[in-house]
Amino acid sequence: MIRAVAILILALAAWPAAAQSLQAQYAAFLENSIWPDAELAGVSRATFDKAMGSKRLNTDIPGLVTPGSTEPPRQMLQAEFSEPAKYFNERNLGYVTSTGRSLAGQHARTLAAIEKKYGVPGRIIIAIWGRESGFGRVKIPHDAFQVLGTKAFMSTRPDLFRRELINALVIVQTGRAKPQEMRSSWAGALGQPQFMPSSYLQYAVDFDGNGHADIWSSTADTLASIAAYLKTFGWQDGRDWGFEVTVPASVSCALEGPDRGKPIAEWEKLGVKRVSGRPFPAAEAGREGFLLMPAGRSGPAFIVTPNFYVLKEYNESDLYALFVGHAGDRIQWGDKTFQAGWGKTDSMLRSDIAAMQRAMEKMGYDVGGADGLPGFRTRRSIGDWQQKNGRQPTCFPSNALIRAIR
């Protein structure tokens, strides 16, 4: 007992010294590595010191690693994978749709002007606004410079966050924002549309005409900036994002993905039908559509258009893009839920899913990387593996499947 207490005392005594050492390394990193790049980008010493001076590491940010490490962060490996159904809980959807409907009416003239200029429907813009920042009502908690500096020093993608830190300094240097206005999420995303600094510099719009693209407090600038972003990435005016469908057993769930598209008329010939019973719009018949089954055979299925993948440019998650599209539809046309329910899926660790993905990669499957998240490449690879091994394709992981593949 005495020995254990002594060890604990020594550990506690050493912890502040270790933290102090890490902070000293961080200060040297900012001075010797970040400042020269900032100076080359046109950032003055006064701006740099005002933004970065006395900044301390924020080691509470998720996903950090030892400086210089390329290993996945420990908490990611231990995190439980959240089943798709949880993403669409009615509390979140109901808030975005009911509040979004009210705000769409309140800002109807602004949205109409934005849609005329960029071709992006107001319902989609409002849905993203609601999803990203609760329509600007969610408090943005972090100092962007502290977050970006910490992640440039202690993340598995230091080069990305290093660039974003320099971009954030450029925003202040060029007078687009004051250092104290640079509030961000834990990932370094800024303002109501949650733009990374590079996205702000490229896509932020001064739509209210006051000479300043203000995504922190201007609703008009926020909404127009979201539309400008989507338009730049290829939003097709006049097309929807997608349609909920039924997929017969004769159509493999492994046909999913943006690289396996077919004219929508061909999907119809295969027996894929809209759940509403209505035919697909006539204008869509010859256009390309893509199968989306985000929970495999355990949830709703969709034929999506290229606009769905533009939404994924905003956030690479299939579930995010689906949430935005669905919420937008409900904002404009009423609270209709998905007709197919979300089936129960196993509680799984991301580390176990990642191990399965690595095993499949060794077999030659393209799973899109061993990140512990079952994206479309993983889902369809599971379907292909199941079919080759005499199983009914489900195109979604389970604990039993993980054990079988590993």
Protein backbone atom coordinates (compact mmCIF):
# COMPACT_ATOMS: atom_id res chain seq x y z
CA MET A 1 0.00 0.00 0.00
CA ILE A 2 2.78 2.44 0.98
CA ARG A 3 4.66 1.58 -2.22
CA ALA A 4 1.55 2.19 -4.34
CA VAL A 5 0.98 5.57 -2.71
CA ALA A 6 4.62 6.51 -3.31
CA ILE A 7 4.31 5.58 -7.00
CA LEU A 8 1.14 7.64 -7.30
CA ILE A 9 2.82 10.66 -5.69
CA LEU A 10 5.75 10.39 -8.07
CA ALA A 11 3.39 10.14 -11.06
CA LEU A 12 1.41 13.19 -9.97
CA ALA A 13 4.60 15.12 -9.41
CA ALA A 14 5.87 14.22 -12.87
CA TRP A 15 2.65 15.16 -14.70
CA PRO A 16 2.97 18.96 -14.48
CA ALA A 17 6.58 18.68 -15.64
CA ALA A 18 5.49 16.62 -18.67
CA ALA A 19 2.71 19.08 -19.47
CA GLN A 20 5.11 21.97 -19.09
CA SER A 21 7.59 20.28 -21.39
CA LEU A 22 4.90 19.74 -24.02
CA GLN A 23 3.83 23.38 -23.77
CA ALA A 24 7.45 24.47 -24.23
CA GLN A 25 7.68 22.29 -27.34
CA TYR A 26 4.46 23.87 -28.62
CA ALA A 27 5.78 27.39 -28.07
CA ALA A 28 8.93 26.48 -30.00
CA PHE A 29 6.82 24.90 -32.75
CA LEU A 30 4.78 28.09 -33.17
CA GLU A 31 7.86 30.30 -33.25
CA ASN A 32 10.17 28.17 -35.36
CA SER A 33 7.74 26.41 -37.67
CA ILE A 34 4.46 28.33 -37.95
CA TRP A 35 5.73 31.91 -37.80
CA PRO A 36 8.06 31.63 -40.84
CA ASP A 37 5.18 30.24 -42.95
CA ALA A 38 2.81 32.91 -41.67
CA GLU A 39 5.32 35.64 -42.55
CA LEU A 40 5.65 34.23 -46.08
CA ALA A 41 1.84 34.39 -46.36
CA GLY A 42 1.93 38.11 -45.58
CA VAL A 43 1.00 37.93 -41.91
CA SER A 44 2.62 40.65 -39.80
CA ARG A 45 4.39 39.94 -36.53
CA ALA A 46 1.81 42.06 -34.71
CA THR A 47 -1.07 40.00 -36.12
CA PHE A 48 0.72 36.75 -35.32
CA ASP A 49 1.41 37.75 -31.74
CA LYS A 50 -2.13 39.01 -31.21
CA ALA A 51 -3.63 35.76 -32.51
CA MET A 52 -1.13 33.23 -31.16
CA GLY A 53 0.57 34.96 -28.23
CA SER A 54 0.12 33.18 -24.89
CA LYS A 55 -1.91 30.43 -26.60
CA ARG A 56 -1.74 27.15 -24.73
CA LEU A 57 -2.38 23.66 -25.97
CA ASN A 58 -5.94 22.41 -25.58
CA THR A 59 -5.38 18.74 -24.82
CA ASP A 60 -9.13 18.17 -24.31
CA ILE A 61 -9.66 18.26 -28.08
CA PRO A 62 -10.56 14.76 -29.35
CA GLY A 63 -8.34 12.90 -31.77
CA LEU A 64 -4.94 14.15 -30.59
CA VAL A 65 -1.75 12.11 -30.77
CA THR A 66 1.82 12.49 -29.58
CA PRO A 67 3.52 15.15 -31.74
CA GLY A 68 4.98 13.56 -34.86
CA SER A 69 2.99 10.33 -34.53
CA THR A 70 1.01 8.91 -37.46
CA GLU A 71 -0.82 6.33 -35.32
CA PRO A 72 -4.64 6.63 -35.09
CA PRO A 73 -5.76 8.42 -31.92
CA ARG A 74 -6.60 6.06 -29.09
CA GLN A 75 -10.11 7.34 -28.49
CA MET A 76 -11.04 6.72 -32.13
CA LEU A 77 -9.98 3.11 -31.86
CA GLN A 78 -12.04 2.61 -28.72
CA ALA A 79 -15.12 4.60 -29.79
CA GLU A 80 -18.35 2.74 -30.33
CA PHE A 81 -19.75 2.93 -33.83
CA SER A 82 -23.11 4.67 -33.71
CA GLU A 83 -25.86 2.92 -35.66
CA PRO A 84 -27.37 4.94 -38.53
CA ALA A 85 -30.81 5.10 -36.91
CA LYS A 86 -29.46 7.33 -34.13
CA TYR A 87 -28.45 9.96 -36.68
CA PHE A 88 -32.08 10.44 -37.65
CA ASN A 89 -33.70 10.66 -34.24
CA GLU A 90 -36.89 12.65 -34.43
CA ARG A 91 -35.80 15.15 -31.80
CA ASN A 92 -32.99 16.47 -34.03
CA LEU A 93 -34.93 16.16 -37.28
CA GLY A 94 -38.03 17.72 -35.76
CA TYR A 95 -36.10 20.72 -34.50
CA VAL A 96 -34.33 21.34 -37.82
CA THR A 97 -37.51 20.94 -39.85
CA SER A 98 -39.94 22.93 -37.67
CA THR A 99 -37.52 25.75 -36.91
CA GLY A 100 -36.19 25.66 -40.47
CA ARG A 101 -39.71 26.00 -41.87
CA SER A 102 -40.30 29.08 -39.75
CA LEU A 103 -36.97 30.65 -40.70
CA ALA A 104 -37.47 29.83 -44.39
CA GLY A 105 -40.59 31.97 -44.27
CA GLN A 106 -38.86 34.71 -42.32
CA HIS A 107 -35.96 34.91 -44.80
CA ALA A 108 -37.96 34.07 -47.93
CA ARG A 109 -36.85 37.14 -49.93
CA THR A 110 -33.18 36.60 -49.12
CA LEU A 111 -33.41 32.90 -49.97
CA ALA A 112 -35.17 33.65 -53.26
CA ALA A 113 -32.40 36.06 -54.23
CA ILE A 114 -29.74 33.51 -53.27
CA GLU A 115 -31.46 30.71 -55.20
CA LYS A 116 -31.75 32.96 -58.27
CA LYS A 117 -28.00 33.66 -58.15
CA TYR A 118 -26.66 30.21 -57.23
CA GLY A 119 -29.42 27.76 -58.17
CA VAL A 120 -29.41 26.03 -54.78
CA PRO A 121 -32.88 25.56 -53.22
CA GLY A 122 -33.57 27.52 -50.07
CA ARG A 123 -34.73 24.39 -48.24
CA ILE A 124 -31.27 22.80 -48.67
CA ILE A 125 -29.48 25.94 -47.50
CA ILE A 126 -31.72 26.19 -44.43
CA ALA A 127 -31.22 22.50 -43.60
CA ILE A 128 -27.42 22.88 -43.67
CA TRP A 129 -27.65 26.02 -41.54
CA GLY A 130 -29.72 24.12 -38.98
CA ARG A 131 -27.51 21.07 -38.98
CA GLU A 132 -24.24 22.98 -38.71
CA SER A 133 -25.02 25.57 -36.04
CA GLY A 134 -28.66 25.28 -34.99
CA PHE A 135 -29.44 28.28 -37.22
CA GLY A 136 -26.69 30.28 -35.55
CA ARG A 137 -28.13 29.69 -32.09
CA VAL A 138 -25.58 27.13 -30.88
CA LYS A 139 -22.69 28.70 -29.03
CA ILE A 140 -19.43 28.24 -30.91
CA PRO A 141 -17.17 27.32 -28.02
CA HIS A 142 -13.52 27.45 -29.04
CA ASP A 143 -10.80 29.92 -29.96
CA ALA A 144 -9.98 28.94 -33.55
CA PHE A 145 -6.29 29.74 -33.17
CA GLN A 146 -5.95 27.54 -30.10
CA VAL A 147 -7.74 24.65 -31.83
CA LEU A 148 -5.87 24.91 -35.13
CA GLY A 149 -2.53 25.39 -33.42
CA THR A 150 -3.08 22.38 -31.17
CA LYS A 151 -4.16 20.19 -34.09
CA ALA A 152 -1.24 21.37 -36.24
CA PHE A 153 1.03 20.19 -33.42
CA MET A 154 -0.77 17.08 -32.18
CA SER A 155 -3.00 15.50 -34.83
CA THR A 156 -2.57 12.74 -37.39
CA ARG A 157 -3.06 15.37 -40.14
CA PRO A 158 -0.68 18.12 -39.04
CA ASP A 159 -0.09 19.46 -42.57
CA LEU A 160 -3.82 20.05 -43.07
CA PHE A 161 -4.23 21.96 -39.82
CA ARG A 162 -0.98 23.83 -40.36
CA ARG A 163 -2.41 25.18 -43.65
CA GLU A 164 -5.70 26.02 -41.99
CA LEU A 165 -3.90 27.86 -39.19
CA ILE A 166 -2.04 29.99 -41.73
CA ASN A 167 -5.33 30.65 -43.54
CA ALA A 168 -6.93 31.72 -40.25
CA LEU A 169 -4.09 34.17 -39.69
CA VAL A 170 -4.57 35.53 -43.22
CA ILE A 171 -8.27 36.12 -42.46
CA VAL A 172 -7.29 38.37 -39.56
CA GLN A 173 -4.39 39.99 -41.39
CA THR A 174 -6.63 41.03 -44.29
CA GLY A 175 -9.21 42.54 -41.97
CA ARG A 176 -11.98 40.04 -42.59
CA ALA A 177 -12.31 39.31 -38.86
CA LYS A 178 -10.77 40.26 -35.55
CA PRO A 179 -8.88 37.60 -33.57
CA GLN A 180 -11.56 37.54 -30.85
CA GLU A 181 -14.24 36.90 -33.48
CA MET A 182 -12.52 33.74 -34.70
CA ARG A 183 -14.65 31.21 -32.84
CA SER A 184 -14.69 27.62 -34.04
CA SER A 185 -15.72 24.06 -33.32
CA TRP A 186 -13.25 21.57 -31.84
CA ALA A 187 -12.32 20.73 -35.45
CA GLY A 188 -11.49 24.35 -36.31
CA ALA A 189 -14.63 25.07 -38.36
CA LEU A 190 -15.72 28.70 -38.28
CA GLY A 191 -19.00 30.50 -37.81
CA GLN A 192 -22.58 29.59 -38.60
CA PRO A 193 -21.87 27.56 -41.78
CA GLN A 194 -18.88 25.88 -40.09
CA PHE A 195 -16.34 26.65 -42.79
CA MET A 196 -12.71 25.74 -42.39
CA PRO A 197 -10.54 28.87 -42.85
CA SER A 198 -9.59 27.85 -46.41
CA SER A 199 -13.29 27.49 -47.28
CA TYR A 200 -14.00 30.90 -45.79
CA LEU A 201 -11.33 32.49 -47.99
CA GLN A 202 -12.66 30.75 -51.11
CA TYR A 203 -16.43 30.71 -50.67
CA ALA A 204 -17.60 33.23 -48.05
CA VAL A 205 -19.89 35.83 -49.63
CA ASP A 206 -20.76 39.40 -48.68
CA PHE A 207 -24.45 39.15 -49.61
CA ASP A 208 -25.76 41.92 -47.41
CA GLY A 209 -23.47 44.39 -49.19
CA ASN A 210 -21.67 45.86 -46.20
CA GLY A 211 -18.22 45.09 -47.61
CA HIS A 212 -17.50 42.22 -45.23
CA ALA A 213 -18.30 38.49 -45.52
CA ASP A 214 -19.52 37.87 -42.00
CA ILE A 215 -20.37 34.20 -41.34
CA TRP A 216 -20.53 34.79 -37.60
CA SER A 217 -23.39 37.26 -37.29
CA SER A 218 -24.89 37.98 -40.74
CA THR A 219 -27.70 35.64 -41.77
CA ALA A 220 -27.61 36.81 -45.40
CA ASP A 221 -23.86 36.22 -45.67
CA THR A 222 -24.16 32.84 -43.96
CA LEU A 223 -26.92 31.56 -46.26
CA ALA A 224 -25.29 32.87 -49.44
CA SER A 225 -21.91 31.43 -48.44
CA ILE A 226 -23.47 27.97 -48.06
CA ALA A 227 -25.05 28.30 -51.51
CA ALA A 228 -21.83 29.57 -53.08
CA TYR A 229 -19.97 26.58 -51.66
CA LEU A 230 -22.46 24.06 -53.07
CA LYS A 231 -22.59 25.80 -56.45
CA THR A 232 -18.79 25.74 -56.73
CA PHE A 233 -18.80 21.99 -56.13
CA GLY A 234 -21.29 21.38 -58.92
CA TRP A 235 -24.85 21.70 -57.62
CA GLN A 236 -27.15 21.10 -60.61
CA ASP A 237 -29.99 23.60 -60.72
CA GLY A 238 -33.40 21.97 -61.19
CA ARG A 239 -32.44 18.51 -59.91
CA ASP A 240 -33.43 17.02 -56.59
CA TRP A 241 -30.93 15.27 -54.30
CA GLY A 242 -32.64 11.86 -54.49
CA PHE A 243 -35.68 9.62 -53.94
CA GLU A 244 -36.47 6.91 -51.40
CA VAL A 245 -36.99 3.60 -53.21
CA THR A 246 -37.62 -0.10 -52.76
CA VAL A 247 -34.86 -2.39 -54.03
CA PRO A 248 -35.87 -5.95 -54.95
CA ALA A 249 -33.75 -8.86 -53.77
CA SER A 250 -32.69 -9.44 -57.38
CA VAL A 251 -30.77 -6.13 -57.30
CA SER A 252 -27.56 -6.52 -55.31
CA CYS A 253 -26.88 -4.01 -52.56
CA ALA A 254 -23.27 -4.19 -53.75
CA LEU A 255 -24.25 -1.99 -56.70
CA GLU A 256 -24.11 1.02 -54.40
CA GLY A 257 -21.83 3.97 -55.00
CA PRO A 258 -21.14 7.08 -57.09
CA ASP A 259 -19.00 5.08 -59.51
CA ARG A 260 -21.75 2.55 -60.31
CA GLY A 261 -24.42 4.86 -61.63
CA LYS A 262 -27.05 4.05 -64.26
CA PRO A 263 -29.68 6.09 -66.04
CA ILE A 264 -32.66 6.22 -63.71
CA ALA A 265 -34.79 4.51 -66.38
CA GLU A 266 -32.45 1.49 -66.13
CA TRP A 267 -32.89 1.30 -62.35
CA GLU A 268 -36.64 1.28 -63.00
CA LYS A 269 -36.26 -1.63 -65.44
CA LEU A 270 -34.43 -3.56 -62.71
CA GLY A 271 -37.47 -3.17 -60.45
CA VAL A 272 -36.30 -0.24 -58.32
CA LYS A 273 -39.37 1.87 -57.53
CA ARG A 274 -40.13 5.02 -55.56
CA VAL A 275 -41.78 4.28 -52.22
CA SER A 276 -44.43 6.89 -52.99
CA GLY A 277 -45.70 4.78 -55.88
CA ARG A 278 -45.22 7.70 -58.24
CA PRO A 279 -42.91 7.34 -61.23
CA PHE A 280 -39.58 9.14 -61.25
CA PRO A 281 -39.84 12.60 -62.82
CA ALA A 282 -39.78 12.32 -66.62
CA ALA A 283 -36.83 14.69 -66.81
CA GLU A 284 -34.78 12.27 -64.69
CA ALA A 285 -35.29 9.16 -66.83
CA GLY A 286 -32.18 9.56 -68.97
CA ARG A 287 -30.06 11.10 -66.24
CA GLU A 288 -27.66 9.18 -64.06
CA GLY A 289 -28.74 8.01 -60.63
CA PHE A 290 -26.87 6.11 -57.95
CA LEU A 291 -27.94 3.49 -55.44
CA LEU A 292 -27.54 4.51 -51.79
CA MET A 293 -28.13 2.02 -48.97
CA PRO A 294 -26.56 3.61 -45.87
CA ALA A 295 -27.55 0.71 -43.59
CA GLY A 296 -27.38 -1.98 -46.25
CA ARG A 297 -30.50 -4.14 -46.23
CA SER A 298 -31.25 -2.94 -42.67
CA GLY A 299 -32.62 0.46 -43.60
CA PRO A 300 -34.10 2.71 -46.27
CA ALA A 301 -32.71 2.75 -49.80
CA PHE A 302 -32.43 5.63 -52.23
CA ILE A 303 -31.64 6.54 -55.80
CA VAL A 304 -29.64 9.73 -55.50
CA THR A 305 -28.51 12.30 -58.04
CA PRO A 306 -25.11 14.00 -58.37
CA ASN A 307 -26.45 16.70 -56.03
CA PHE A 308 -26.29 14.20 -53.17
CA TYR A 309 -22.55 13.95 -53.69
CA VAL A 310 -22.27 17.75 -53.77
CA LEU A 311 -23.80 17.68 -50.26
CA LYS A 312 -21.05 15.22 -49.34
CA GLU A 313 -18.49 17.85 -50.31
CA TYR A 314 -19.81 19.80 -47.33
CA ASN A 315 -19.41 16.78 -45.06
CA GLU A 316 -18.17 13.46 -46.42
CA SER A 317 -20.66 11.38 -44.42
CA ASP A 318 -23.49 9.67 -46.34
CA LEU A 319 -25.67 10.12 -43.28
CA TYR A 320 -24.97 13.85 -43.11
CA ALA A 321 -25.92 14.37 -46.76
CA LEU A 322 -29.04 12.24 -46.30
CA PHE A 323 -30.03 14.20 -43.18
CA VAL A 324 -29.71 17.50 -45.03
CA GLY A 325 -31.66 16.31 -48.07
CA HIS A 326 -34.41 14.73 -45.99
CA ALA A 327 -34.69 17.69 -43.61
CA GLY A 328 -34.85 20.05 -46.58
CA ASP A 329 -37.71 18.05 -48.08
CA ARG A 330 -39.58 18.16 -44.79
CA ILE A 331 -39.02 21.89 -44.46
CA GLN A 332 -40.68 22.48 -47.81
CA TRP A 333 -43.24 19.67 -48.11
CA GLY A 334 -44.12 18.58 -44.58
CA ASP A 335 -43.03 16.10 -41.93
CA LYS A 336 -42.95 12.85 -43.87
CA THR A 337 -40.53 10.35 -42.38
CA PHE A 338 -38.71 7.66 -44.33
CA GLN A 339 -41.18 4.97 -45.32
CA ALA A 340 -38.74 2.15 -44.59
CA GLY A 341 -37.60 1.93 -41.00
CA TRP A 342 -34.05 1.71 -39.75
CA GLY A 343 -33.43 -1.86 -38.64
CA LYS A 344 -31.55 -2.75 -35.49
CA THR A 345 -27.81 -3.06 -36.04
CA ASP A 346 -25.19 -4.47 -33.69
CA SER A 347 -23.29 -2.37 -31.20
CA MET A 348 -19.76 -2.43 -32.60
CA LEU A 349 -16.40 -0.86 -31.82
CA ARG A 350 -14.80 1.19 -34.55
CA SER A 351 -11.56 -0.63 -33.82
CA ASP A 352 -13.24 -3.95 -34.67
CA ILE A 353 -14.71 -2.56 -37.89
CA ALA A 354 -11.26 -1.19 -38.78
CA ALA A 355 -9.70 -4.63 -38.18
CA MET A 356 -12.30 -6.18 -40.50
CA GLN A 357 -11.52 -3.52 -43.12
CA ARG A 358 -7.80 -4.28 -42.93
CA ALA A 359 -8.53 -7.99 -43.38
CA MET A 360 -10.66 -7.23 -46.44
CA GLU A 361 -7.93 -5.03 -47.88
CA LYS A 362 -5.54 -7.97 -47.65
CA MET A 363 -8.08 -9.99 -49.67
CA GLY A 364 -8.04 -7.33 -52.37
CA TYR A 365 -11.23 -5.46 -51.52
CA ASP A 366 -11.40 -1.68 -51.80
CA VAL A 367 -13.05 -0.64 -48.51
CA GLY A 368 -12.12 3.03 -48.76
CA GLY A 369 -9.60 2.84 -45.92
CA ALA A 370 -9.55 1.19 -42.49
CA ASP A 371 -11.15 4.03 -40.54
CA GLY A 372 -13.74 2.03 -38.60
CA LEU A 373 -16.62 3.63 -40.50
CA PRO A 374 -18.67 1.55 -42.97
CA GLY A 375 -18.81 3.87 -45.97
CA PHE A 376 -20.22 2.79 -49.32
CA ARG A 377 -16.99 1.06 -50.40
CA THR A 378 -16.97 -1.01 -47.22
CA ARG A 379 -20.70 -1.76 -47.47
CA ARG A 380 -20.54 -3.01 -51.03
CA SER A 381 -17.33 -4.95 -50.37
CA ILE A 382 -19.15 -6.71 -47.54
CA GLY A 383 -21.94 -7.54 -49.99
CA ASP A 384 -19.45 -8.94 -52.54
CA TRP A 385 -17.71 -11.00 -49.83
CA GLN A 386 -21.04 -12.36 -48.57
CA GLN A 387 -22.13 -13.38 -52.06
CA LYS A 388 -18.82 -15.09 -52.81
CA ASN A 389 -19.07 -17.00 -49.55
CA GLY A 390 -22.60 -18.25 -50.06
CA ARG A 391 -24.28 -15.76 -47.73
CA GLN A 392 -27.27 -13.52 -48.31
CA PRO A 393 -25.79 -10.05 -48.94
CA THR A 394 -26.69 -7.51 -46.26
CA CYS A 395 -23.98 -4.94 -47.12
CA PHE A 396 -23.53 -3.90 -43.51
CA PRO A 397 -21.19 -5.10 -40.74
CA SER A 398 -22.25 -7.07 -37.71
CA ASN A 399 -20.24 -8.60 -34.90
CA ALA A 400 -20.72 -12.09 -36.36
CA LEU A 401 -19.59 -10.87 -39.77
CA ILE A 402 -16.54 -9.16 -38.29
CA ARG A 403 -15.54 -12.43 -36.62
CA ALA A 404 -16.07 -14.37 -39.85
CA ILE A 405 -14.04 -12.01 -42.02
CA ARG A 406 -11.21 -11.37 -39.55
